[in-house]
Amino acid sequence: MNKVTEFLNQSGTFYLSTIENDKPRVRPFGAVAEFDGKIYICTNNQKNVFKQILANPNVEISSVAGDNWIRLDGKLLIDERVEAKQAMLEAKPSLKNFYNINDGIFEVLYLTEATAKIFSFGKEPEIIKL
């Protein structure tokens, strides 16, 4: 598992920032998976967050784990492949209580053009290009 995915899983909850009508919108997420060498999240395509990502795929994710925190920016793109959806459901089995691969609302998205910065007090940030 890559260090960024590991960090987000360790933190449990991470916060995704999008833009809606020129205003920031932030909400908690808890599901992250690694598939095909990429970092994936998921959502319901009926939610405003999904509409915001479609309108502007530039996002930032932030989270804290112990004494460290991460800022991850990039673009989110939809992956419609069944295999990607299966990977997400396997990584976070509790999602099966809400979604299934053919329900018409379950969407998985992967980060591209992304850079992660992992911070710790008193140290230079670790920069990871994805």
C-alpha atoms as a PDB file:
ATOM      1  CA  MET A   1       0.000   0.000   0.000  1.00  0.00           C
ATOM      2  CA  ASN A   2       1.366   3.421  -0.816  1.00  0.00           C
ATOM      3  CA  LYS A   3       2.211   5.821   2.001  1.00  0.00           C
ATOM      4  CA  VAL A   4      -0.621   8.258   1.205  1.00  0.00           C
ATOM      5  CA  THR A   5      -3.311   5.554   1.193  1.00  0.00           C
ATOM      6  CA  GLU A   6      -1.845   4.153   4.400  1.00  0.00           C
ATOM      7  CA  PHE A   7      -1.948   7.591   6.032  1.00  0.00           C
ATOM      8  CA  LEU A   8      -5.595   8.178   5.054  1.00  0.00           C
ATOM      9  CA  ASN A   9      -6.606   4.738   6.292  1.00  0.00           C
ATOM     10  CA  GLN A  10      -4.766   5.331   9.558  1.00  0.00           C
ATOM     11  CA  SER A  11      -6.503   8.663  10.110  1.00  0.00           C
ATOM     12  CA  GLY A  12      -9.930   7.092   9.609  1.00  0.00           C
ATOM     13  CA  THR A  13     -11.653  10.307   8.582  1.00  0.00           C
ATOM     14  CA  PHE A  14     -10.318  12.700   5.988  1.00  0.00           C
ATOM     15  CA  TYR A  15     -11.816  15.905   4.660  1.00  0.00           C
ATOM     16  CA  LEU A  16     -12.455  16.576   0.994  1.00  0.00           C
ATOM     17  CA  SER A  17     -12.676  20.145  -0.235  1.00  0.00           C
ATOM     18  CA  THR A  18     -14.493  21.068  -3.437  1.00  0.00           C
ATOM     19  CA  ILE A  19     -15.785  24.304  -4.957  1.00  0.00           C
ATOM     20  CA  GLU A  20     -19.427  25.237  -5.476  1.00  0.00           C
ATOM     21  CA  ASN A  21     -20.277  28.580  -7.066  1.00  0.00           C
ATOM     22  CA  ASP A  22     -16.879  30.003  -6.119  1.00  0.00           C
ATOM     23  CA  LYS A  23     -17.230  28.918  -2.479  1.00  0.00           C
ATOM     24  CA  PRO A  24     -15.342  26.135  -0.724  1.00  0.00           C
ATOM     25  CA  ARG A  25     -17.257  23.093   0.492  1.00  0.00           C
ATOM     26  CA  VAL A  26     -15.677  20.581   2.870  1.00  0.00           C
ATOM     27  CA  ARG A  27     -17.048  17.274   4.059  1.00  0.00           C
ATOM     28  CA  PRO A  28     -15.790  14.175   5.856  1.00  0.00           C
ATOM     29  CA  PHE A  29     -14.991  10.949   4.008  1.00  0.00           C
ATOM     30  CA  GLY A  30     -13.830   7.629   5.376  1.00  0.00           C
ATOM     31  CA  ALA A  31     -13.390   5.263   2.444  1.00  0.00           C
ATOM     32  CA  VAL A  32     -10.151   5.113   0.507  1.00  0.00           C
ATOM     33  CA  ALA A  33      -8.693   2.334  -1.610  1.00  0.00           C
ATOM     34  CA  GLU A  34      -5.710   1.706  -3.781  1.00  0.00           C
ATOM     35  CA  PHE A  35      -6.372   0.116  -7.162  1.00  0.00           C
ATOM     36  CA  ASP A  36      -4.355  -0.037 -10.346  1.00  0.00           C
ATOM     37  CA  GLY A  37      -1.662   2.094  -8.697  1.00  0.00           C
ATOM     38  CA  LYS A  38      -4.081   4.941  -7.979  1.00  0.00           C
ATOM     39  CA  ILE A  39      -5.829   6.307  -4.886  1.00  0.00           C
ATOM     40  CA  TYR A  40      -9.618   5.993  -4.985  1.00  0.00           C
ATOM     41  CA  ILE A  41     -12.519   7.427  -3.022  1.00  0.00           C
ATOM     42  CA  CYS A  42     -16.226   6.872  -3.548  1.00  0.00           C
ATOM     43  CA  THR A  43     -19.502   8.707  -3.263  1.00  0.00           C
ATOM     44  CA  ASN A  44     -23.137   8.677  -4.303  1.00  0.00           C
ATOM     45  CA  ASN A  45     -23.789  10.362  -7.661  1.00  0.00           C
ATOM     46  CA  GLN A  46     -26.905  12.024  -6.229  1.00  0.00           C
ATOM     47  CA  LYS A  47     -24.898  14.068  -3.729  1.00  0.00           C
ATOM     48  CA  ASN A  48     -23.798  17.666  -4.238  1.00  0.00           C
ATOM     49  CA  VAL A  49     -20.167  16.649  -3.779  1.00  0.00           C
ATOM     50  CA  PHE A  50     -20.351  14.513  -6.920  1.00  0.00           C
ATOM     51  CA  LYS A  51     -21.907  17.366  -8.901  1.00  0.00           C
ATOM     52  CA  GLN A  52     -19.200  19.726  -7.638  1.00  0.00           C
ATOM     53  CA  ILE A  53     -16.455  17.321  -8.725  1.00  0.00           C
ATOM     54  CA  LEU A  54     -18.017  17.009 -12.173  1.00  0.00           C
ATOM     55  CA  ALA A  55     -18.099  20.807 -12.502  1.00  0.00           C
ATOM     56  CA  ASN A  56     -14.547  21.253 -11.183  1.00  0.00           C
ATOM     57  CA  PRO A  57     -12.431  18.129 -10.558  1.00  0.00           C
ATOM     58  CA  ASN A  58      -9.754  20.038  -8.597  1.00  0.00           C
ATOM     59  CA  VAL A  59      -9.924  18.966  -4.950  1.00  0.00           C
ATOM     60  CA  GLU A  60      -7.899  18.960  -1.778  1.00  0.00           C
ATOM     61  CA  ILE A  61      -7.922  16.326   0.953  1.00  0.00           C
ATOM     62  CA  SER A  62      -6.675  16.936   4.475  1.00  0.00           C
ATOM     63  CA  SER A  63      -6.381  14.680   7.493  1.00  0.00           C
ATOM     64  CA  VAL A  64      -4.563  14.144  10.781  1.00  0.00           C
ATOM     65  CA  ALA A  65      -3.013  10.947  12.125  1.00  0.00           C
ATOM     66  CA  GLY A  66      -1.216  11.193  15.443  1.00  0.00           C
ATOM     67  CA  ASP A  67       1.189  14.147  15.330  1.00  0.00           C
ATOM     68  CA  ASN A  68       1.210  14.263  11.521  1.00  0.00           C
ATOM     69  CA  TRP A  69      -1.126  15.755   8.982  1.00  0.00           C
ATOM     70  CA  ILE A  70      -1.504  15.508   5.253  1.00  0.00           C
ATOM     71  CA  ARG A  71      -2.603  17.813   2.469  1.00  0.00           C
ATOM     72  CA  LEU A  72      -3.293  16.109  -0.822  1.00  0.00           C
ATOM     73  CA  ASP A  73      -4.315  18.063  -3.898  1.00  0.00           C
ATOM     74  CA  GLY A  74      -5.153  16.879  -7.371  1.00  0.00           C
ATOM     75  CA  LYS A  75      -8.002  16.093  -9.713  1.00  0.00           C
ATOM     76  CA  LEU A  76     -10.654  13.436  -9.198  1.00  0.00           C
ATOM     77  CA  LEU A  77     -11.763  11.474 -12.252  1.00  0.00           C
ATOM     78  CA  ILE A  78     -14.546   8.898 -12.470  1.00  0.00           C
ATOM     79  CA  ASP A  79     -13.669   5.263 -13.078  1.00  0.00           C
ATOM     80  CA  GLU A  80     -16.678   3.328 -14.323  1.00  0.00           C
ATOM     81  CA  ARG A  81     -14.941  -0.055 -14.368  1.00  0.00           C
ATOM     82  CA  VAL A  82     -16.559  -2.813 -12.337  1.00  0.00           C
ATOM     83  CA  GLU A  83     -13.105  -3.850 -11.117  1.00  0.00           C
ATOM     84  CA  ALA A  84     -12.518  -0.421  -9.563  1.00  0.00           C
ATOM     85  CA  LYS A  85     -15.872  -0.558  -7.761  1.00  0.00           C
ATOM     86  CA  GLN A  86     -15.116  -4.071  -6.537  1.00  0.00           C
ATOM     87  CA  ALA A  87     -11.734  -2.941  -5.222  1.00  0.00           C
ATOM     88  CA  MET A  88     -13.403  -0.152  -3.226  1.00  0.00           C
ATOM     89  CA  LEU A  89     -15.993  -2.522  -1.754  1.00  0.00           C
ATOM     90  CA  GLU A  90     -13.250  -4.980  -0.809  1.00  0.00           C
ATOM     91  CA  ALA A  91     -11.137  -2.252   0.794  1.00  0.00           C
ATOM     92  CA  LYS A  92     -14.087  -0.958   2.832  1.00  0.00           C
ATOM     93  CA  PRO A  93     -16.641  -3.781   3.252  1.00  0.00           C
ATOM     94  CA  SER A  94     -19.000  -1.579   5.292  1.00  0.00           C
ATOM     95  CA  LEU A  95     -19.811   0.262   2.034  1.00  0.00           C
ATOM     96  CA  LYS A  96     -21.831  -2.819   1.015  1.00  0.00           C
ATOM     97  CA  ASN A  97     -24.488  -1.600   3.480  1.00  0.00           C
ATOM     98  CA  PHE A  98     -25.055   1.401   1.207  1.00  0.00           C
ATOM     99  CA  TYR A  99     -23.886   0.501  -2.282  1.00  0.00           C
ATOM    100  CA  ASN A 100     -23.556  -2.265  -4.799  1.00  0.00           C
ATOM    101  CA  ILE A 101     -21.811  -2.296  -8.138  1.00  0.00           C
ATOM    102  CA  ASN A 102     -24.990  -2.091 -10.218  1.00  0.00           C
ATOM    103  CA  ASP A 103     -27.129   0.226  -8.080  1.00  0.00           C
ATOM    104  CA  GLY A 104     -26.763   3.212 -10.418  1.00  0.00           C
ATOM    105  CA  ILE A 105     -25.569   5.558  -7.650  1.00  0.00           C
ATOM    106  CA  PHE A 106     -22.201   4.127  -6.526  1.00  0.00           C
ATOM    107  CA  GLU A 107     -19.311   6.071  -8.043  1.00  0.00           C
ATOM    108  CA  VAL A 108     -15.585   5.577  -7.592  1.00  0.00           C
ATOM    109  CA  LEU A 109     -13.125   8.310  -8.411  1.00  0.00           C
ATOM    110  CA  TYR A 110      -9.339   8.324  -8.532  1.00  0.00           C
ATOM    111  CA  LEU A 111      -6.781  11.034  -7.949  1.00  0.00           C
ATOM    112  CA  THR A 112      -4.615  12.201 -10.802  1.00  0.00           C
ATOM    113  CA  GLU A 113      -2.095  15.043 -11.130  1.00  0.00           C
ATOM    114  CA  ALA A 114      -1.803  14.791  -7.349  1.00  0.00           C
ATOM    115  CA  THR A 115       0.757  15.887  -4.795  1.00  0.00           C
ATOM    116  CA  ALA A 116       0.723  14.898  -1.142  1.00  0.00           C
ATOM    117  CA  LYS A 117       2.523  16.782   1.590  1.00  0.00           C
ATOM    118  CA  ILE A 118       2.904  15.046   4.921  1.00  0.00           C
ATOM    119  CA  PHE A 119       3.710  17.423   7.763  1.00  0.00           C
ATOM    120  CA  SER A 120       5.092  16.950  11.261  1.00  0.00           C
ATOM    121  CA  PHE A 121       5.931  19.699  13.753  1.00  0.00           C
ATOM    122  CA  GLY A 122       9.532  20.808  13.515  1.00  0.00           C
ATOM    123  CA  LYS A 123      10.288  18.914  10.299  1.00  0.00           C
ATOM    124  CA  GLU A 124      10.274  19.727   6.617  1.00  0.00           C
ATOM    125  CA  PRO A 125       7.197  18.291   4.871  1.00  0.00           C
ATOM    126  CA  GLU A 126       7.562  15.057   2.964  1.00  0.00           C
ATOM    127  CA  ILE A 127       6.393  15.627  -0.611  1.00  0.00           C
ATOM    128  CA  ILE A 128       5.015  12.724  -2.622  1.00  0.00           C
ATOM    129  CA  LYS A 129       4.049  13.091  -6.296  1.00  0.00           C
ATOM    130  CA  LEU A 130       1.339  10.661  -7.349  1.00  0.00           C
END
